[in-house]
Amino acid sequence: MKEETEPEEWLELLDKREEVLGQIADAIDRGFVLPPEWNLQYATPFLEIDQRLLPVMQEKQDELSEKINQIQRGRTANKQYGGYSGSPAYGAFFDTKK
């Protein structure tokens, strides 16, 4: 999976993957025995994808968390300095922080 892909695409792929895993689990519950070659064909690639995807998703989550924190800090600063109302007169900055 490419790192440039969007989280929405990840969710689609993960949903499809979960659906397939659910079908396999249902078959196993009904007594179906998985052939050993399926382990190499399906289970191993799933694990490899998980091992690659989880760090990428964690990195994206960390980036988004940092952006959210920056926005919150900006909002807090704006509230402390009187909010969005009133632009500075003639380009001057008046410190109204209390």
N, C-alpha and C. Protein backbone atom coordinates (compact mmCIF):
# COMPACT_ATOMS: atom_id res chain seq x y z
N MET A 1 0.85 -1.17 0.00
CA MET A 1 0.00 0.00 0.00
C MET A 1 0.89 1.23 0.00
N LYS A 2 0.56 2.18 -0.82
CA LYS A 2 1.35 3.41 -0.92
C LYS A 2 1.06 4.30 0.26
N GLU A 3 2.10 5.00 0.72
CA GLU A 3 1.94 5.90 1.86
C GLU A 3 1.15 7.15 1.49
N GLU A 4 1.08 7.48 0.18
CA GLU A 4 0.40 8.70 -0.23
C GLU A 4 -1.11 8.54 -0.27
N THR A 5 -1.62 7.34 -0.14
CA THR A 5 -3.05 7.12 -0.24
C THR A 5 -3.77 7.78 0.92
N GLU A 6 -5.03 8.09 0.69
CA GLU A 6 -5.84 8.78 1.68
C GLU A 6 -6.43 7.81 2.70
N PRO A 7 -6.69 8.28 3.91
CA PRO A 7 -7.28 7.42 4.94
C PRO A 7 -8.61 6.80 4.52
N GLU A 8 -9.40 7.50 3.67
CA GLU A 8 -10.67 6.93 3.21
C GLU A 8 -10.42 5.65 2.43
N GLU A 9 -9.36 5.65 1.62
CA GLU A 9 -9.01 4.45 0.86
C GLU A 9 -8.58 3.33 1.81
N TRP A 10 -7.88 3.69 2.87
CA TRP A 10 -7.46 2.69 3.85
C TRP A 10 -8.68 2.04 4.47
N LEU A 11 -9.66 2.88 4.82
CA LEU A 11 -10.86 2.35 5.46
C LEU A 11 -11.60 1.39 4.54
N GLU A 12 -11.67 1.72 3.25
CA GLU A 12 -12.31 0.82 2.30
C GLU A 12 -11.59 -0.52 2.25
N LEU A 13 -10.27 -0.46 2.14
CA LEU A 13 -9.48 -1.70 2.08
C LEU A 13 -9.60 -2.50 3.37
N LEU A 14 -9.57 -1.81 4.49
CA LEU A 14 -9.70 -2.50 5.77
C LEU A 14 -11.08 -3.13 5.92
N ASP A 15 -12.12 -2.44 5.44
CA ASP A 15 -13.47 -3.00 5.50
C ASP A 15 -13.57 -4.26 4.65
N LYS A 16 -13.01 -4.21 3.44
CA LYS A 16 -13.02 -5.39 2.57
C LYS A 16 -12.25 -6.53 3.22
N ARG A 17 -11.11 -6.20 3.80
CA ARG A 17 -10.27 -7.20 4.45
C ARG A 17 -11.02 -7.85 5.61
N GLU A 18 -11.68 -7.02 6.41
CA GLU A 18 -12.44 -7.54 7.55
C GLU A 18 -13.58 -8.43 7.08
N GLU A 19 -14.20 -8.06 5.97
CA GLU A 19 -15.28 -8.88 5.41
C GLU A 19 -14.76 -10.26 5.02
N VAL A 20 -13.62 -10.29 4.33
CA VAL A 20 -13.02 -11.56 3.91
C VAL A 20 -12.62 -12.38 5.13
N LEU A 21 -12.00 -11.75 6.11
CA LEU A 21 -11.61 -12.47 7.32
C LEU A 21 -12.83 -13.01 8.06
N GLY A 22 -13.92 -12.24 8.04
CA GLY A 22 -15.15 -12.70 8.66
C GLY A 22 -15.72 -13.93 7.96
N GLN A 23 -15.65 -13.92 6.63
CA GLN A 23 -16.12 -15.08 5.87
C GLN A 23 -15.26 -16.31 6.17
N ILE A 24 -13.96 -16.12 6.27
CA ILE A 24 -13.07 -17.24 6.60
C ILE A 24 -13.37 -17.75 8.00
N ALA A 25 -13.56 -16.84 8.95
CA ALA A 25 -13.87 -17.24 10.32
C ALA A 25 -15.18 -18.01 10.38
N ASP A 26 -16.19 -17.56 9.62
CA ASP A 26 -17.46 -18.27 9.57
C ASP A 26 -17.29 -19.68 9.03
N ALA A 27 -16.48 -19.81 7.98
CA ALA A 27 -16.23 -21.13 7.39
C ALA A 27 -15.53 -22.04 8.39
N ILE A 28 -14.58 -21.50 9.12
CA ILE A 28 -13.87 -22.29 10.13
C ILE A 28 -14.84 -22.72 11.23
N ASP A 29 -15.72 -21.80 11.63
CA ASP A 29 -16.72 -22.13 12.66
C ASP A 29 -17.64 -23.26 12.21
N ARG A 30 -17.90 -23.34 10.91
CA ARG A 30 -18.77 -24.39 10.38
C ARG A 30 -18.01 -25.69 10.14
N GLY A 31 -16.72 -25.72 10.50
CA GLY A 31 -15.95 -26.95 10.40
C GLY A 31 -15.02 -27.04 9.21
N PHE A 32 -14.93 -25.99 8.42
CA PHE A 32 -14.04 -25.99 7.27
C PHE A 32 -12.59 -25.93 7.77
N VAL A 33 -11.76 -26.78 7.22
CA VAL A 33 -10.34 -26.80 7.58
C VAL A 33 -9.57 -26.12 6.45
N LEU A 34 -8.82 -25.09 6.83
CA LEU A 34 -8.04 -24.37 5.84
C LEU A 34 -6.86 -25.21 5.38
N PRO A 35 -6.67 -25.29 4.07
CA PRO A 35 -5.48 -25.99 3.56
C PRO A 35 -4.21 -25.24 3.97
N PRO A 36 -3.13 -25.96 4.22
CA PRO A 36 -1.88 -25.30 4.65
C PRO A 36 -1.37 -24.26 3.65
N GLU A 37 -1.60 -24.48 2.36
CA GLU A 37 -1.11 -23.49 1.38
C GLU A 37 -1.85 -22.17 1.48
N TRP A 38 -3.07 -22.18 2.03
CA TRP A 38 -3.80 -20.93 2.23
C TRP A 38 -3.12 -20.05 3.26
N ASN A 39 -2.46 -20.69 4.20
CA ASN A 39 -1.72 -19.93 5.20
C ASN A 39 -0.68 -19.06 4.52
N LEU A 40 0.06 -19.65 3.59
CA LEU A 40 1.08 -18.89 2.86
C LEU A 40 0.44 -17.89 1.90
N GLN A 41 -0.67 -18.28 1.30
CA GLN A 41 -1.29 -17.45 0.29
C GLN A 41 -2.07 -16.27 0.87
N TYR A 42 -2.71 -16.46 2.04
CA TYR A 42 -3.58 -15.42 2.59
C TYR A 42 -3.13 -14.87 3.94
N ALA A 43 -2.88 -15.74 4.89
CA ALA A 43 -2.59 -15.28 6.25
C ALA A 43 -1.29 -14.49 6.32
N THR A 44 -0.24 -15.01 5.71
CA THR A 44 1.05 -14.32 5.76
C THR A 44 0.99 -12.94 5.11
N PRO A 45 0.38 -12.80 3.91
CA PRO A 45 0.27 -11.45 3.34
C PRO A 45 -0.55 -10.49 4.22
N PHE A 46 -1.63 -11.00 4.87
CA PHE A 46 -2.41 -10.15 5.76
C PHE A 46 -1.55 -9.61 6.89
N LEU A 47 -0.75 -10.47 7.48
CA LEU A 47 0.12 -10.05 8.58
C LEU A 47 1.15 -9.04 8.11
N GLU A 48 1.71 -9.27 6.93
CA GLU A 48 2.71 -8.33 6.39
C GLU A 48 2.08 -6.97 6.13
N ILE A 49 0.86 -6.97 5.60
CA ILE A 49 0.17 -5.70 5.34
C ILE A 49 -0.09 -4.98 6.65
N ASP A 50 -0.54 -5.73 7.67
CA ASP A 50 -0.76 -5.12 8.98
C ASP A 50 0.50 -4.49 9.52
N GLN A 51 1.62 -5.19 9.41
CA GLN A 51 2.87 -4.69 9.95
C GLN A 51 3.35 -3.43 9.23
N ARG A 52 3.02 -3.30 7.94
CA ARG A 52 3.40 -2.10 7.20
C ARG A 52 2.39 -0.98 7.38
N LEU A 53 1.12 -1.33 7.46
CA LEU A 53 0.06 -0.33 7.48
C LEU A 53 -0.07 0.36 8.83
N LEU A 54 0.06 -0.37 9.90
CA LEU A 54 -0.15 0.21 11.23
C LEU A 54 0.82 1.36 11.54
N PRO A 55 2.12 1.23 11.25
CA PRO A 55 3.00 2.39 11.50
C PRO A 55 2.66 3.60 10.63
N VAL A 56 2.25 3.36 9.38
CA VAL A 56 1.87 4.48 8.51
C VAL A 56 0.63 5.18 9.05
N MET A 57 -0.35 4.40 9.49
CA MET A 57 -1.56 4.98 10.05
C MET A 57 -1.25 5.73 11.34
N GLN A 58 -0.36 5.20 12.16
CA GLN A 58 0.01 5.88 13.40
C GLN A 58 0.70 7.21 13.10
N GLU A 59 1.56 7.22 12.07
CA GLU A 59 2.24 8.46 11.68
C GLU A 59 1.24 9.50 11.20
N LYS A 60 0.27 9.08 10.38
CA LYS A 60 -0.76 10.02 9.91
C LYS A 60 -1.60 10.53 11.08
N GLN A 61 -1.91 9.65 12.02
CA GLN A 61 -2.68 10.06 13.19
C GLN A 61 -1.90 11.08 14.01
N ASP A 62 -0.60 10.86 14.17
CA ASP A 62 0.23 11.81 14.91
C ASP A 62 0.27 13.17 14.21
N GLU A 63 0.37 13.16 12.86
CA GLU A 63 0.38 14.40 12.11
C GLU A 63 -0.93 15.17 12.30
N LEU A 64 -2.04 14.44 12.22
CA LEU A 64 -3.34 15.09 12.40
C LEU A 64 -3.50 15.62 13.81
N SER A 65 -3.02 14.87 14.79
CA SER A 65 -3.10 15.34 16.18
C SER A 65 -2.31 16.62 16.36
N GLU A 66 -1.15 16.70 15.74
CA GLU A 66 -0.34 17.92 15.84
C GLU A 66 -1.04 19.09 15.18
N LYS A 67 -1.67 18.87 14.03
CA LYS A 67 -2.40 19.95 13.36
C LYS A 67 -3.57 20.42 14.21
N ILE A 68 -4.28 19.48 14.82
CA ILE A 68 -5.41 19.84 15.69
C ILE A 68 -4.91 20.66 16.87
N ASN A 69 -3.78 20.26 17.46
CA ASN A 69 -3.21 21.02 18.58
C ASN A 69 -2.83 22.42 18.16
N GLN A 70 -2.26 22.58 16.96
CA GLN A 70 -1.90 23.91 16.48
C GLN A 70 -3.13 24.78 16.31
N ILE A 71 -4.19 24.20 15.76
CA ILE A 71 -5.42 24.96 15.58
C ILE A 71 -5.99 25.39 16.93
N GLN A 72 -5.99 24.47 17.89
CA GLN A 72 -6.50 24.80 19.22
C GLN A 72 -5.67 25.88 19.89
N ARG A 73 -4.35 25.82 19.74
CA ARG A 73 -3.50 26.86 20.32
C ARG A 73 -3.78 28.21 19.66
N GLY A 74 -4.01 28.19 18.34
CA GLY A 74 -4.33 29.43 17.64
C GLY A 74 -5.66 30.01 18.10
N ARG A 75 -6.64 29.16 18.29
CA ARG A 75 -7.94 29.63 18.78
C ARG A 75 -7.82 30.21 20.18
N THR A 76 -7.04 29.55 21.03
CA THR A 76 -6.85 30.04 22.39
C THR A 76 -6.18 31.41 22.36
N ALA A 77 -5.17 31.57 21.53
CA ALA A 77 -4.48 32.85 21.43
C ALA A 77 -5.42 33.93 20.91
N ASN A 78 -6.25 33.60 19.93
CA ASN A 78 -7.19 34.58 19.41
C ASN A 78 -8.20 35.01 20.47
N LYS A 79 -8.66 34.08 21.27
CA LYS A 79 -9.61 34.42 22.34
C LYS A 79 -8.95 35.32 23.38
N GLN A 80 -7.68 35.07 23.68
CA GLN A 80 -6.97 35.88 24.67
C GLN A 80 -6.76 37.31 24.18
N TYR A 81 -6.63 37.47 22.88
CA TYR A 81 -6.39 38.80 22.32
C TYR A 81 -7.64 39.41 21.72
N GLY A 82 -8.81 39.03 22.21
CA GLY A 82 -10.03 39.68 21.78
C GLY A 82 -10.73 39.02 20.61
N GLY A 83 -10.34 37.86 20.24
CA GLY A 83 -11.04 37.14 19.19
C GLY A 83 -10.79 37.70 17.81
N TYR A 84 -11.73 37.41 16.92
CA TYR A 84 -11.58 37.79 15.52
C TYR A 84 -12.13 39.18 15.23
N SER A 85 -12.83 39.76 16.19
CA SER A 85 -13.46 41.05 15.94
C SER A 85 -12.43 42.17 15.95
N GLY A 86 -12.69 43.14 15.13
CA GLY A 86 -11.85 44.33 15.13
C GLY A 86 -10.46 44.10 14.57
N SER A 87 -10.18 44.71 13.46
CA SER A 87 -8.84 44.62 12.90
C SER A 87 -7.99 45.76 13.46
N PRO A 88 -6.70 45.56 13.51
CA PRO A 88 -5.83 46.61 14.05
C PRO A 88 -5.92 47.89 13.21
N ALA A 89 -5.93 49.00 13.90
CA ALA A 89 -6.04 50.30 13.22
C ALA A 89 -4.72 50.64 12.54
N TYR A 90 -4.78 50.93 11.28
CA TYR A 90 -3.62 51.38 10.50
C TYR A 90 -2.44 50.43 10.62
N GLY A 91 -2.70 49.17 10.73
CA GLY A 91 -1.63 48.19 10.80
C GLY A 91 -0.96 48.11 12.15
N ALA A 92 -1.45 48.85 13.12
CA ALA A 92 -0.85 48.82 14.46
C ALA A 92 -1.41 47.64 15.23
N PHE A 93 -0.63 47.12 16.13
CA PHE A 93 -1.06 46.02 16.97
C PHE A 93 -1.21 46.53 18.39
N PHE A 94 -2.41 46.36 18.94
CA PHE A 94 -2.67 46.76 20.31
C PHE A 94 -2.82 45.50 21.15
N ASP A 95 -1.96 45.35 22.12
CA ASP A 95 -2.00 44.18 23.00
C ASP A 95 -3.13 44.36 23.99
N THR A 96 -4.20 43.59 23.83
CA THR A 96 -5.36 43.70 24.70
C THR A 96 -5.47 42.52 25.64
N LYS A 97 -4.44 41.74 25.74
CA LYS A 97 -4.46 40.56 26.61
C LYS A 97 -4.56 41.02 28.05
N LYS A 98 -5.43 40.36 28.80
CA LYS A 98 -5.65 40.77 30.19
C LYS A 98 -4.93 39.84 31.13
